């Protein structure tokens, strides 16, 4: 798989995960660009959290979206708490 294709897949997974997170955590309104970044960063956070907890969700795009969305939700909740302070 080419680097461009990998980046495209990562962007799509990030966009979907960021969108899911923004739907779950209301009131953030970051927009599509930041949703993609949020989803990608969320994938890193989610992957780390799942590894630390010893949880394996398997492989594939659906598993990647689930992990990224959970990480993005955690990240959004932290951002929301910081904004309130």
C-alpha atoms as a PDB file:
ATOM      1  CA  UNK A   1       0.000   0.000   0.000  1.00  0.00           C
ATOM      2  CA  UNK A   2       1.360   3.400  -0.895  1.00  0.00           C
ATOM      3  CA  UNK A   3       2.051   6.166   1.589  1.00  0.00           C
ATOM      4  CA  UNK A   4      -0.628   8.355   0.023  1.00  0.00           C
ATOM      5  CA  UNK A   5      -3.224   5.601   0.375  1.00  0.00           C
ATOM      6  CA  UNK A   6      -2.219   5.036   4.012  1.00  0.00           C
ATOM      7  CA  UNK A   7      -2.556   8.756   4.763  1.00  0.00           C
ATOM      8  CA  UNK A   8      -5.941   8.846   3.053  1.00  0.00           C
ATOM      9  CA  UNK A   9      -7.214   5.888   5.082  1.00  0.00           C
ATOM     10  CA  UNK A  10      -5.880   7.481   8.278  1.00  0.00           C
ATOM     11  CA  UNK A  11      -7.659  10.750   7.418  1.00  0.00           C
ATOM     12  CA  UNK A  12     -10.961   8.953   6.740  1.00  0.00           C
ATOM     13  CA  UNK A  13     -10.745   6.973   9.991  1.00  0.00           C
ATOM     14  CA  UNK A  14      -9.808  10.157  11.831  1.00  0.00           C
ATOM     15  CA  UNK A  15     -12.707  12.076  10.301  1.00  0.00           C
ATOM     16  CA  UNK A  16     -15.228   9.376  11.204  1.00  0.00           C
ATOM     17  CA  UNK A  17     -13.839   8.984  14.734  1.00  0.00           C
ATOM     18  CA  UNK A  18     -13.745  12.748  15.276  1.00  0.00           C
ATOM     19  CA  UNK A  19     -17.299  13.105  14.008  1.00  0.00           C
ATOM     20  CA  UNK A  20     -18.511  10.307  16.308  1.00  0.00           C
ATOM     21  CA  UNK A  21     -16.739  11.923  19.264  1.00  0.00           C
ATOM     22  CA  UNK A  22     -18.248  15.331  18.500  1.00  0.00           C
ATOM     23  CA  UNK A  23     -21.715  13.743  18.368  1.00  0.00           C
ATOM     24  CA  UNK A  24     -21.184  12.015  21.735  1.00  0.00           C
ATOM     25  CA  UNK A  25     -19.617  15.020  23.481  1.00  0.00           C
ATOM     26  CA  UNK A  26     -21.952  17.885  22.656  1.00  0.00           C
ATOM     27  CA  UNK A  27     -20.996  21.535  22.664  1.00  0.00           C
ATOM     28  CA  UNK A  28     -17.513  21.446  21.165  1.00  0.00           C
ATOM     29  CA  UNK A  29     -18.197  22.551  17.568  1.00  0.00           C
ATOM     30  CA  UNK A  30     -14.647  22.172  16.269  1.00  0.00           C
ATOM     31  CA  UNK A  31     -15.409  21.666  12.563  1.00  0.00           C
ATOM     32  CA  UNK A  32     -14.326  19.010  10.074  1.00  0.00           C
ATOM     33  CA  UNK A  33     -10.613  19.857   9.976  1.00  0.00           C
ATOM     34  CA  UNK A  34     -10.195  19.705  13.725  1.00  0.00           C
ATOM     35  CA  UNK A  35     -12.462  16.628  13.868  1.00  0.00           C
ATOM     36  CA  UNK A  36      -9.966  14.828  11.612  1.00  0.00           C
ATOM     37  CA  UNK A  37      -7.036  15.900  13.782  1.00  0.00           C
ATOM     38  CA  UNK A  38      -9.015  14.977  16.887  1.00  0.00           C
ATOM     39  CA  UNK A  39      -9.753  11.530  15.451  1.00  0.00           C
ATOM     40  CA  UNK A  40      -6.110  10.897  14.553  1.00  0.00           C
ATOM     41  CA  UNK A  41      -4.863  12.032  17.969  1.00  0.00           C
ATOM     42  CA  UNK A  42      -7.732  10.058  19.500  1.00  0.00           C
ATOM     43  CA  UNK A  43      -6.505   6.942  17.709  1.00  0.00           C
ATOM     44  CA  UNK A  44      -3.128   7.326  19.393  1.00  0.00           C
ATOM     45  CA  UNK A  45      -4.725   7.946  22.800  1.00  0.00           C
ATOM     46  CA  UNK A  46      -7.245   5.129  22.337  1.00  0.00           C
ATOM     47  CA  UNK A  47      -4.541   2.707  21.225  1.00  0.00           C
ATOM     48  CA  UNK A  48      -2.462   3.575  24.272  1.00  0.00           C
ATOM     49  CA  UNK A  49      -5.459   3.262  26.648  1.00  0.00           C
ATOM     50  CA  UNK A  50      -6.494  -0.085  25.202  1.00  0.00           C
ATOM     51  CA  UNK A  51      -2.917  -1.427  25.402  1.00  0.00           C
ATOM     52  CA  UNK A  52      -2.570  -0.278  29.028  1.00  0.00           C
ATOM     53  CA  UNK A  53      -5.869  -1.966  29.899  1.00  0.00           C
ATOM     54  CA  UNK A  54      -4.866  -5.138  28.044  1.00  0.00           C
ATOM     55  CA  UNK A  55      -7.886  -4.922  25.743  1.00  0.00           C
ATOM     56  CA  UNK A  56      -7.713  -6.094  22.145  1.00  0.00           C
ATOM     57  CA  UNK A  57     -10.497  -5.203  19.736  1.00  0.00           C
ATOM     58  CA  UNK A  58      -8.933  -6.984  16.780  1.00  0.00           C
ATOM     59  CA  UNK A  59      -7.928  -5.573  13.444  1.00  0.00           C
ATOM     60  CA  UNK A  60      -9.648  -3.867  10.578  1.00  0.00           C
ATOM     61  CA  UNK A  61     -11.143  -0.500   9.871  1.00  0.00           C
ATOM     62  CA  UNK A  62     -14.132  -0.898  12.212  1.00  0.00           C
ATOM     63  CA  UNK A  63     -11.864  -1.730  15.157  1.00  0.00           C
ATOM     64  CA  UNK A  64      -9.642   1.239  14.289  1.00  0.00           C
ATOM     65  CA  UNK A  65     -12.668   3.560  14.205  1.00  0.00           C
ATOM     66  CA  UNK A  66     -13.913   2.266  17.574  1.00  0.00           C
ATOM     67  CA  UNK A  67     -10.534   2.721  19.257  1.00  0.00           C
ATOM     68  CA  UNK A  68     -10.003   6.142  17.660  1.00  0.00           C
ATOM     69  CA  UNK A  69     -13.509   7.302  18.609  1.00  0.00           C
ATOM     70  CA  UNK A  70     -13.057   6.263  22.234  1.00  0.00           C
ATOM     71  CA  UNK A  71      -9.710   8.042  22.366  1.00  0.00           C
ATOM     72  CA  UNK A  72     -11.203  11.129  20.715  1.00  0.00           C
ATOM     73  CA  UNK A  73     -14.101  11.129  23.199  1.00  0.00           C
ATOM     74  CA  UNK A  74     -11.625  11.039  26.082  1.00  0.00           C
ATOM     75  CA  UNK A  75      -9.659  13.872  24.471  1.00  0.00           C
ATOM     76  CA  UNK A  76     -12.803  15.956  23.896  1.00  0.00           C
ATOM     77  CA  UNK A  77     -13.915  15.489  27.491  1.00  0.00           C
ATOM     78  CA  UNK A  78     -10.507  16.702  28.700  1.00  0.00           C
ATOM     79  CA  UNK A  79     -10.650  19.719  26.345  1.00  0.00           C
ATOM     80  CA  UNK A  80     -14.172  20.516  27.520  1.00  0.00           C
ATOM     81  CA  UNK A  81     -13.102  20.366  31.174  1.00  0.00           C
ATOM     82  CA  UNK A  82     -10.141  22.654  30.482  1.00  0.00           C
ATOM     83  CA  UNK A  83     -12.387  25.145  28.648  1.00  0.00           C
ATOM     84  CA  UNK A  84     -14.715  25.319  31.671  1.00  0.00           C
ATOM     85  CA  UNK A  85     -11.870  26.036  34.103  1.00  0.00           C
END
